[in-house]
């Protein structure tokens, strides 16, 4: 499935709708080149969960955790761009986030495997906007597309 997002505001708005559908145990894997809009989409997802503060890509801390009272569901925003050693990934304890919360992962291709319930979203430049392509697993049945 493909969705045309006309600009960054449309990308964030799509993320808001997606964030409203997020449940504990969900994983959203965001693929795309640098500047493709992954962090903009993640910001929208967090807005859909109720977060009103600043959202930056967690490139240097790798993981930024959000939770109550700022969000209706605990969520870890993860950026794996700077990870190189598989041992680093094990130390992050990403599975722990899924116990009562969710994951939004930028650069998921750095992981040795993705969870079977992961919603795979690929963003690509499309003129001034973005093209979003989705691989929707059965776990998202009835929640896709977000509206």
N, C-alpha and C. Protein backbone atom coordinates (compact mmCIF):
# COMPACT_ATOMS: atom_id res chain seq x y z
N UNK A 1 0.84 -1.17 0.00
CA UNK A 1 0.00 0.00 0.00
C UNK A 1 0.89 1.23 0.00
N UNK A 2 0.55 2.24 -0.78
CA UNK A 2 1.31 3.46 -0.88
C UNK A 2 0.43 4.67 -0.58
N UNK A 3 1.02 5.66 0.10
CA UNK A 3 0.31 6.87 0.48
C UNK A 3 1.17 8.06 0.07
N UNK A 4 0.57 9.06 -0.58
CA UNK A 4 1.28 10.28 -0.95
C UNK A 4 1.11 11.29 0.18
N UNK A 5 2.23 11.80 0.67
CA UNK A 5 2.24 12.81 1.73
C UNK A 5 2.81 14.08 1.11
N UNK A 6 2.00 15.12 1.01
CA UNK A 6 2.35 16.30 0.22
C UNK A 6 3.48 17.14 0.80
N UNK A 7 3.64 17.12 2.13
CA UNK A 7 4.69 17.93 2.76
C UNK A 7 4.92 17.42 4.18
N UNK A 8 5.78 18.13 4.94
CA UNK A 8 6.07 17.65 6.29
C UNK A 8 4.84 17.72 7.20
N UNK A 9 3.98 18.70 6.99
CA UNK A 9 2.75 18.78 7.80
C UNK A 9 1.86 17.56 7.55
N UNK A 10 1.77 17.12 6.29
CA UNK A 10 0.98 15.93 5.97
C UNK A 10 1.62 14.68 6.55
N UNK A 11 2.95 14.64 6.56
CA UNK A 11 3.67 13.50 7.13
C UNK A 11 3.42 13.42 8.63
N UNK A 12 3.49 14.56 9.30
CA UNK A 12 3.24 14.58 10.74
C UNK A 12 1.77 14.23 11.03
N UNK A 13 0.85 14.76 10.24
CA UNK A 13 -0.58 14.46 10.44
C UNK A 13 -0.86 12.97 10.28
N UNK A 14 -0.21 12.33 9.30
CA UNK A 14 -0.37 10.90 9.12
C UNK A 14 0.14 10.17 10.37
N UNK A 15 1.27 10.64 10.90
CA UNK A 15 1.81 10.07 12.13
C UNK A 15 0.87 10.22 13.30
N UNK A 16 0.20 11.36 13.42
CA UNK A 16 -0.78 11.57 14.50
C UNK A 16 -1.87 10.51 14.41
N UNK A 17 -2.42 10.30 13.23
CA UNK A 17 -3.48 9.29 13.05
C UNK A 17 -2.96 7.90 13.40
N UNK A 18 -1.73 7.62 13.03
CA UNK A 18 -1.12 6.33 13.33
C UNK A 18 -0.91 6.17 14.83
N UNK A 19 -0.43 7.22 15.48
CA UNK A 19 -0.21 7.18 16.93
C UNK A 19 -1.48 6.91 17.71
N UNK A 20 -2.59 7.39 17.21
CA UNK A 20 -3.87 7.15 17.89
C UNK A 20 -4.27 5.68 17.83
N UNK A 21 -3.73 4.92 16.89
CA UNK A 21 -4.05 3.50 16.73
C UNK A 21 -3.05 2.59 17.46
N UNK A 22 -1.96 3.16 17.94
CA UNK A 22 -0.89 2.36 18.54
C UNK A 22 -1.34 1.66 19.81
N UNK A 23 -0.91 0.41 19.96
CA UNK A 23 -1.23 -0.42 21.13
C UNK A 23 0.05 -0.97 21.73
N UNK A 24 -0.06 -1.43 22.96
CA UNK A 24 1.06 -2.10 23.61
C UNK A 24 1.47 -3.31 22.78
N UNK A 25 2.77 -3.50 22.62
CA UNK A 25 3.31 -4.62 21.84
C UNK A 25 3.56 -4.28 20.38
N UNK A 26 3.13 -3.09 19.93
CA UNK A 26 3.33 -2.69 18.53
C UNK A 26 4.76 -2.23 18.27
N UNK A 27 5.20 -2.47 17.05
CA UNK A 27 6.49 -2.00 16.57
C UNK A 27 6.24 -1.30 15.23
N UNK A 28 6.73 -0.08 15.10
CA UNK A 28 6.68 0.63 13.83
C UNK A 28 8.13 0.81 13.38
N UNK A 29 8.47 0.22 12.26
CA UNK A 29 9.82 0.28 11.70
C UNK A 29 9.82 1.29 10.56
N UNK A 30 10.64 2.34 10.71
CA UNK A 30 10.69 3.42 9.73
C UNK A 30 11.95 3.33 8.87
N UNK A 31 11.75 3.02 7.61
CA UNK A 31 12.85 2.90 6.65
C UNK A 31 12.90 4.15 5.78
N UNK A 32 14.07 4.48 5.28
CA UNK A 32 14.21 5.60 4.35
C UNK A 32 15.58 6.23 4.47
N UNK A 33 15.98 6.94 3.44
CA UNK A 33 17.27 7.61 3.42
C UNK A 33 17.28 8.76 4.43
N UNK A 34 18.48 9.31 4.67
CA UNK A 34 18.60 10.52 5.47
C UNK A 34 17.70 11.60 4.87
N UNK A 35 16.95 12.28 5.72
CA UNK A 35 16.09 13.35 5.26
C UNK A 35 14.78 12.90 4.64
N UNK A 36 14.46 11.62 4.74
CA UNK A 36 13.25 11.09 4.12
C UNK A 36 11.98 11.45 4.90
N UNK A 37 12.12 11.85 6.16
CA UNK A 37 10.94 12.20 6.94
C UNK A 37 10.63 11.25 8.08
N UNK A 38 11.57 10.38 8.42
CA UNK A 38 11.32 9.40 9.48
C UNK A 38 11.05 10.07 10.83
N UNK A 39 11.86 11.06 11.18
CA UNK A 39 11.68 11.74 12.46
C UNK A 39 10.40 12.56 12.45
N UNK A 40 10.05 13.14 11.33
CA UNK A 40 8.78 13.90 11.23
C UNK A 40 7.60 12.96 11.47
N UNK A 41 7.65 11.78 10.89
CA UNK A 41 6.59 10.80 11.10
C UNK A 41 6.56 10.35 12.56
N UNK A 42 7.74 10.10 13.14
CA UNK A 42 7.82 9.70 14.55
C UNK A 42 7.25 10.80 15.45
N UNK A 43 7.54 12.05 15.13
CA UNK A 43 7.00 13.18 15.90
C UNK A 43 5.47 13.14 15.86
N UNK A 44 4.92 12.88 14.70
CA UNK A 44 3.47 12.78 14.58
C UNK A 44 2.90 11.63 15.40
N UNK A 45 3.58 10.50 15.37
CA UNK A 45 3.14 9.34 16.17
C UNK A 45 3.08 9.72 17.64
N UNK A 46 4.13 10.39 18.12
CA UNK A 46 4.14 10.81 19.52
C UNK A 46 3.04 11.83 19.81
N UNK A 47 2.77 12.71 18.87
CA UNK A 47 1.66 13.67 19.05
C UNK A 47 0.32 12.91 19.15
N UNK A 48 0.17 11.87 18.36
CA UNK A 48 -1.03 11.05 18.41
C UNK A 48 -1.19 10.31 19.72
N UNK A 49 -0.09 10.15 20.44
CA UNK A 49 -0.11 9.52 21.77
C UNK A 49 -0.27 10.56 22.88
N UNK A 50 -0.34 11.84 22.49
CA UNK A 50 -0.57 12.89 23.47
C UNK A 50 0.65 13.72 23.83
N UNK A 51 1.82 13.42 23.27
CA UNK A 51 3.03 14.15 23.63
C UNK A 51 3.04 15.52 22.98
N UNK A 52 3.33 16.56 23.76
CA UNK A 52 3.31 17.93 23.24
C UNK A 52 4.68 18.60 23.23
N UNK A 53 5.70 17.95 23.76
CA UNK A 53 7.03 18.55 23.83
C UNK A 53 7.81 18.41 22.54
N UNK A 54 9.07 18.81 22.59
CA UNK A 54 9.96 18.69 21.44
C UNK A 54 10.29 17.22 21.18
N UNK A 55 10.38 16.87 19.91
CA UNK A 55 10.76 15.52 19.51
C UNK A 55 11.93 15.65 18.53
N UNK A 56 13.06 15.17 18.96
CA UNK A 56 14.24 15.15 18.09
C UNK A 56 14.61 13.71 17.82
N UNK A 57 15.33 13.50 16.75
CA UNK A 57 15.80 12.15 16.47
C UNK A 57 16.80 11.76 17.55
N UNK A 58 16.62 10.60 18.16
CA UNK A 58 17.55 10.18 19.21
C UNK A 58 18.83 9.55 18.65
N UNK A 59 19.46 10.24 17.69
CA UNK A 59 20.65 9.71 17.03
C UNK A 59 21.77 9.45 18.02
N UNK A 60 22.02 10.36 18.93
CA UNK A 60 23.13 10.18 19.86
C UNK A 60 22.75 9.38 21.10
N UNK A 61 21.59 9.64 21.73
CA UNK A 61 21.25 8.77 22.87
C UNK A 61 20.75 7.40 22.42
N UNK A 62 20.42 7.22 21.18
CA UNK A 62 19.89 6.01 20.54
C UNK A 62 18.45 5.72 20.92
N UNK A 63 18.12 5.82 22.22
CA UNK A 63 16.75 5.55 22.67
C UNK A 63 16.24 6.74 23.47
N UNK A 64 15.05 7.19 23.13
CA UNK A 64 14.36 8.21 23.92
C UNK A 64 13.03 7.59 24.35
N UNK A 65 12.85 7.46 25.65
CA UNK A 65 11.62 6.86 26.18
C UNK A 65 10.61 7.95 26.54
N UNK A 66 9.36 7.71 26.21
CA UNK A 66 8.26 8.60 26.53
C UNK A 66 7.22 7.78 27.29
N UNK A 67 6.58 8.40 28.27
CA UNK A 67 5.57 7.66 29.02
C UNK A 67 4.67 8.59 29.81
N UNK A 68 3.90 7.99 30.69
CA UNK A 68 2.91 8.70 31.50
C UNK A 68 3.61 9.77 32.35
N UNK A 69 3.04 10.91 32.49
CA UNK A 69 1.72 11.35 32.05
C UNK A 69 1.74 12.00 30.67
N UNK A 70 2.90 11.99 30.02
CA UNK A 70 3.03 12.70 28.73
C UNK A 70 2.42 11.97 27.55
N UNK A 71 2.32 10.65 27.63
CA UNK A 71 1.74 9.86 26.54
C UNK A 71 0.76 8.85 27.13
N UNK A 72 -0.24 8.46 26.34
CA UNK A 72 -1.23 7.50 26.84
C UNK A 72 -0.68 6.09 26.88
N UNK A 73 0.47 5.87 26.25
CA UNK A 73 1.10 4.56 26.16
C UNK A 73 2.61 4.77 26.19
N UNK A 74 3.35 4.01 26.99
CA UNK A 74 4.80 4.14 26.94
C UNK A 74 5.33 3.76 25.54
N UNK A 75 6.25 4.56 25.05
CA UNK A 75 6.83 4.29 23.73
C UNK A 75 8.30 4.67 23.76
N UNK A 76 9.11 3.83 23.12
CA UNK A 76 10.52 4.13 22.94
C UNK A 76 10.72 4.55 21.50
N UNK A 77 11.30 5.72 21.30
CA UNK A 77 11.70 6.19 19.98
C UNK A 77 13.18 5.86 19.84
N UNK A 78 13.49 5.01 18.87
CA UNK A 78 14.84 4.45 18.73
C UNK A 78 15.42 4.86 17.38
N UNK A 79 16.68 5.29 17.39
CA UNK A 79 17.39 5.62 16.15
C UNK A 79 18.67 4.80 16.12
N UNK A 80 18.74 3.84 15.23
CA UNK A 80 19.87 2.92 15.17
C UNK A 80 20.94 3.34 14.16
N UNK A 81 20.85 4.57 13.65
CA UNK A 81 21.77 5.02 12.61
C UNK A 81 23.24 4.87 13.01
N UNK A 82 23.57 5.17 14.24
CA UNK A 82 24.97 5.16 14.67
C UNK A 82 25.40 3.83 15.31
N UNK A 83 24.54 2.85 15.34
CA UNK A 83 24.94 1.56 15.91
C UNK A 83 25.71 0.76 14.87
N UNK A 84 26.76 0.12 15.32
CA UNK A 84 27.60 -0.68 14.42
C UNK A 84 27.79 -2.11 14.89
N UNK A 85 27.81 -2.29 16.20
CA UNK A 85 28.10 -3.59 16.78
C UNK A 85 26.79 -4.25 17.23
N UNK A 86 26.52 -5.48 16.79
CA UNK A 86 25.30 -6.17 17.23
C UNK A 86 25.17 -6.27 18.75
N UNK A 87 26.29 -6.28 19.46
CA UNK A 87 26.24 -6.33 20.92
C UNK A 87 25.56 -5.07 21.48
N UNK A 88 25.74 -3.93 20.81
CA UNK A 88 25.08 -2.70 21.24
C UNK A 88 23.56 -2.87 21.21
N UNK A 89 23.07 -3.55 20.19
CA UNK A 89 21.64 -3.74 20.04
C UNK A 89 21.07 -4.60 21.16
N UNK A 90 21.81 -5.61 21.56
CA UNK A 90 21.37 -6.47 22.66
C UNK A 90 21.26 -5.69 23.95
N UNK A 91 22.22 -4.77 24.16
CA UNK A 91 22.24 -3.99 25.39
C UNK A 91 21.07 -3.03 25.50
N UNK A 92 20.45 -2.68 24.39
CA UNK A 92 19.33 -1.74 24.41
C UNK A 92 18.08 -2.32 25.07
N UNK A 93 17.92 -3.64 25.04
CA UNK A 93 16.76 -4.27 25.66
C UNK A 93 15.44 -3.87 25.03
N UNK A 94 15.40 -3.82 23.70
CA UNK A 94 14.20 -3.35 23.01
C UNK A 94 12.97 -4.20 23.30
N UNK A 95 13.16 -5.50 23.51
CA UNK A 95 12.01 -6.36 23.83
C UNK A 95 11.31 -5.89 25.11
N UNK A 96 12.08 -5.32 26.03
CA UNK A 96 11.49 -4.85 27.29
C UNK A 96 10.44 -3.76 27.06
N UNK A 97 10.64 -2.94 26.04
CA UNK A 97 9.71 -1.85 25.76
C UNK A 97 8.34 -2.37 25.35
N UNK A 98 8.30 -3.58 24.80
CA UNK A 98 7.04 -4.12 24.30
C UNK A 98 6.14 -4.68 25.39
N UNK A 99 6.67 -4.79 26.61
CA UNK A 99 5.87 -5.23 27.74
C UNK A 99 5.10 -4.03 28.27
N UNK A 100 3.96 -3.77 27.70
CA UNK A 100 3.14 -2.64 28.12
C UNK A 100 3.35 -1.38 27.31
N UNK A 101 4.26 -1.42 26.32
CA UNK A 101 4.54 -0.25 25.52
C UNK A 101 4.77 -0.60 24.06
N UNK A 102 5.31 0.36 23.32
CA UNK A 102 5.53 0.17 21.88
C UNK A 102 6.90 0.73 21.48
N UNK A 103 7.31 0.37 20.27
CA UNK A 103 8.59 0.84 19.71
C UNK A 103 8.34 1.57 18.40
N UNK A 104 9.04 2.68 18.19
CA UNK A 104 9.11 3.36 16.91
C UNK A 104 10.60 3.40 16.59
N UNK A 105 11.00 2.70 15.52
CA UNK A 105 12.43 2.50 15.24
C UNK A 105 12.82 3.10 13.90
N UNK A 106 13.77 4.05 13.94
CA UNK A 106 14.38 4.57 12.73
C UNK A 106 15.63 3.73 12.45
N UNK A 107 15.88 3.45 11.18
CA UNK A 107 17.00 2.62 10.72
C UNK A 107 16.90 1.19 11.24
N UNK A 108 15.73 0.56 11.14
CA UNK A 108 15.55 -0.81 11.64
C UNK A 108 16.37 -1.84 10.87
N UNK A 109 16.87 -1.48 9.69
CA UNK A 109 17.68 -2.43 8.93
C UNK A 109 18.96 -2.80 9.66
N UNK A 110 19.32 -2.08 10.72
CA UNK A 110 20.50 -2.39 11.52
C UNK A 110 20.24 -3.56 12.48
N UNK A 111 18.98 -3.90 12.68
CA UNK A 111 18.61 -5.02 13.55
C UNK A 111 18.84 -6.35 12.83
N UNK A 112 19.22 -7.40 13.57
CA UNK A 112 19.36 -8.70 12.92
C UNK A 112 18.02 -9.28 12.47
N UNK A 113 16.94 -8.87 13.14
CA UNK A 113 15.60 -9.34 12.78
C UNK A 113 14.59 -8.32 13.27
N UNK A 114 13.44 -8.32 12.63
CA UNK A 114 12.32 -7.49 13.09
C UNK A 114 11.26 -8.40 13.69
N UNK A 115 10.49 -7.87 14.58
CA UNK A 115 9.39 -8.61 15.18
C UNK A 115 8.34 -8.88 14.12
N UNK A 116 7.66 -10.03 14.17
CA UNK A 116 6.66 -10.34 13.14
C UNK A 116 5.49 -9.37 13.10
N UNK A 117 5.20 -8.69 14.22
CA UNK A 117 4.09 -7.73 14.27
C UNK A 117 4.51 -6.34 13.81
N UNK A 118 5.75 -6.18 13.35
CA UNK A 118 6.24 -4.85 12.97
C UNK A 118 5.53 -4.31 11.72
N UNK A 119 5.05 -3.10 11.85
CA UNK A 119 4.51 -2.35 10.72
C UNK A 119 5.71 -1.70 10.04
N UNK A 120 5.96 -2.06 8.79
CA UNK A 120 7.13 -1.56 8.05
C UNK A 120 6.70 -0.41 7.15
N UNK A 121 7.23 0.77 7.44
CA UNK A 121 6.90 1.95 6.65
C UNK A 121 8.18 2.48 6.00
N UNK A 122 8.14 2.67 4.69
CA UNK A 122 9.28 3.20 3.95
C UNK A 122 8.90 4.56 3.39
N UNK A 123 9.72 5.55 3.69
CA UNK A 123 9.51 6.91 3.21
C UNK A 123 10.54 7.23 2.13
N UNK A 124 10.10 7.89 1.08
CA UNK A 124 10.99 8.30 -0.01
C UNK A 124 10.56 9.68 -0.49
N UNK A 125 11.56 10.48 -0.88
CA UNK A 125 11.26 11.80 -1.43
C UNK A 125 10.40 11.65 -2.67
N UNK A 126 9.43 12.56 -2.78
CA UNK A 126 8.52 12.57 -3.93
C UNK A 126 8.22 14.03 -4.24
N UNK A 127 9.15 14.69 -4.94
CA UNK A 127 9.02 16.13 -5.15
C UNK A 127 9.12 16.83 -3.81
N UNK A 128 8.24 17.77 -3.51
CA UNK A 128 8.28 18.44 -2.21
C UNK A 128 7.70 17.57 -1.09
N UNK A 129 7.06 16.48 -1.42
CA UNK A 129 6.44 15.62 -0.43
C UNK A 129 7.19 14.32 -0.24
N UNK A 130 6.48 13.35 0.25
CA UNK A 130 7.03 12.02 0.51
C UNK A 130 6.06 10.97 0.02
N UNK A 131 6.60 9.85 -0.40
CA UNK A 131 5.80 8.67 -0.70
C UNK A 131 6.03 7.70 0.44
N UNK A 132 4.96 7.22 1.03
CA UNK A 132 5.04 6.25 2.11
C UNK A 132 4.51 4.94 1.59
N UNK A 133 5.32 3.90 1.73
CA UNK A 133 4.92 2.55 1.35
C UNK A 133 4.84 1.71 2.62
N UNK A 134 3.77 0.96 2.77
CA UNK A 134 3.55 0.19 3.99
C UNK A 134 3.48 -1.30 3.71
N UNK A 135 4.11 -2.07 4.58
CA UNK A 135 3.94 -3.52 4.65
C UNK A 135 3.20 -3.75 5.97
N UNK A 136 1.95 -4.15 5.88
CA UNK A 136 1.07 -4.21 7.04
C UNK A 136 0.90 -5.67 7.48
N UNK A 137 1.37 -6.00 8.69
CA UNK A 137 1.21 -7.36 9.18
C UNK A 137 -0.21 -7.61 9.70
N UNK A 138 -0.59 -8.86 9.87
CA UNK A 138 -1.93 -9.17 10.39
C UNK A 138 -2.24 -8.51 11.73
N UNK A 139 -1.24 -8.27 12.56
CA UNK A 139 -1.47 -7.65 13.87
C UNK A 139 -2.08 -6.27 13.75
N UNK A 140 -1.98 -5.64 12.57
CA UNK A 140 -2.54 -4.32 12.36
C UNK A 140 -3.91 -4.37 11.69
N UNK A 141 -4.47 -5.56 11.53
CA UNK A 141 -5.77 -5.71 10.91
C UNK A 141 -6.82 -4.83 11.60
N UNK A 142 -7.60 -4.12 10.84
CA UNK A 142 -8.63 -3.24 11.38
C UNK A 142 -8.11 -1.89 11.83
N UNK A 143 -6.78 -1.72 11.86
CA UNK A 143 -6.21 -0.42 12.26
C UNK A 143 -5.50 0.26 11.10
N UNK A 144 -5.50 -0.36 9.95
CA UNK A 144 -4.84 0.22 8.78
C UNK A 144 -5.82 0.38 7.65
N UNK A 145 -5.82 1.44 6.94
CA UNK A 145 -4.98 2.64 7.16
C UNK A 145 -5.53 3.47 8.30
N UNK A 146 -4.64 4.20 8.98
CA UNK A 146 -5.10 5.06 10.07
C UNK A 146 -5.89 6.24 9.51
N UNK A 147 -6.96 6.60 10.16
CA UNK A 147 -7.76 7.75 9.72
C UNK A 147 -8.18 8.59 10.90
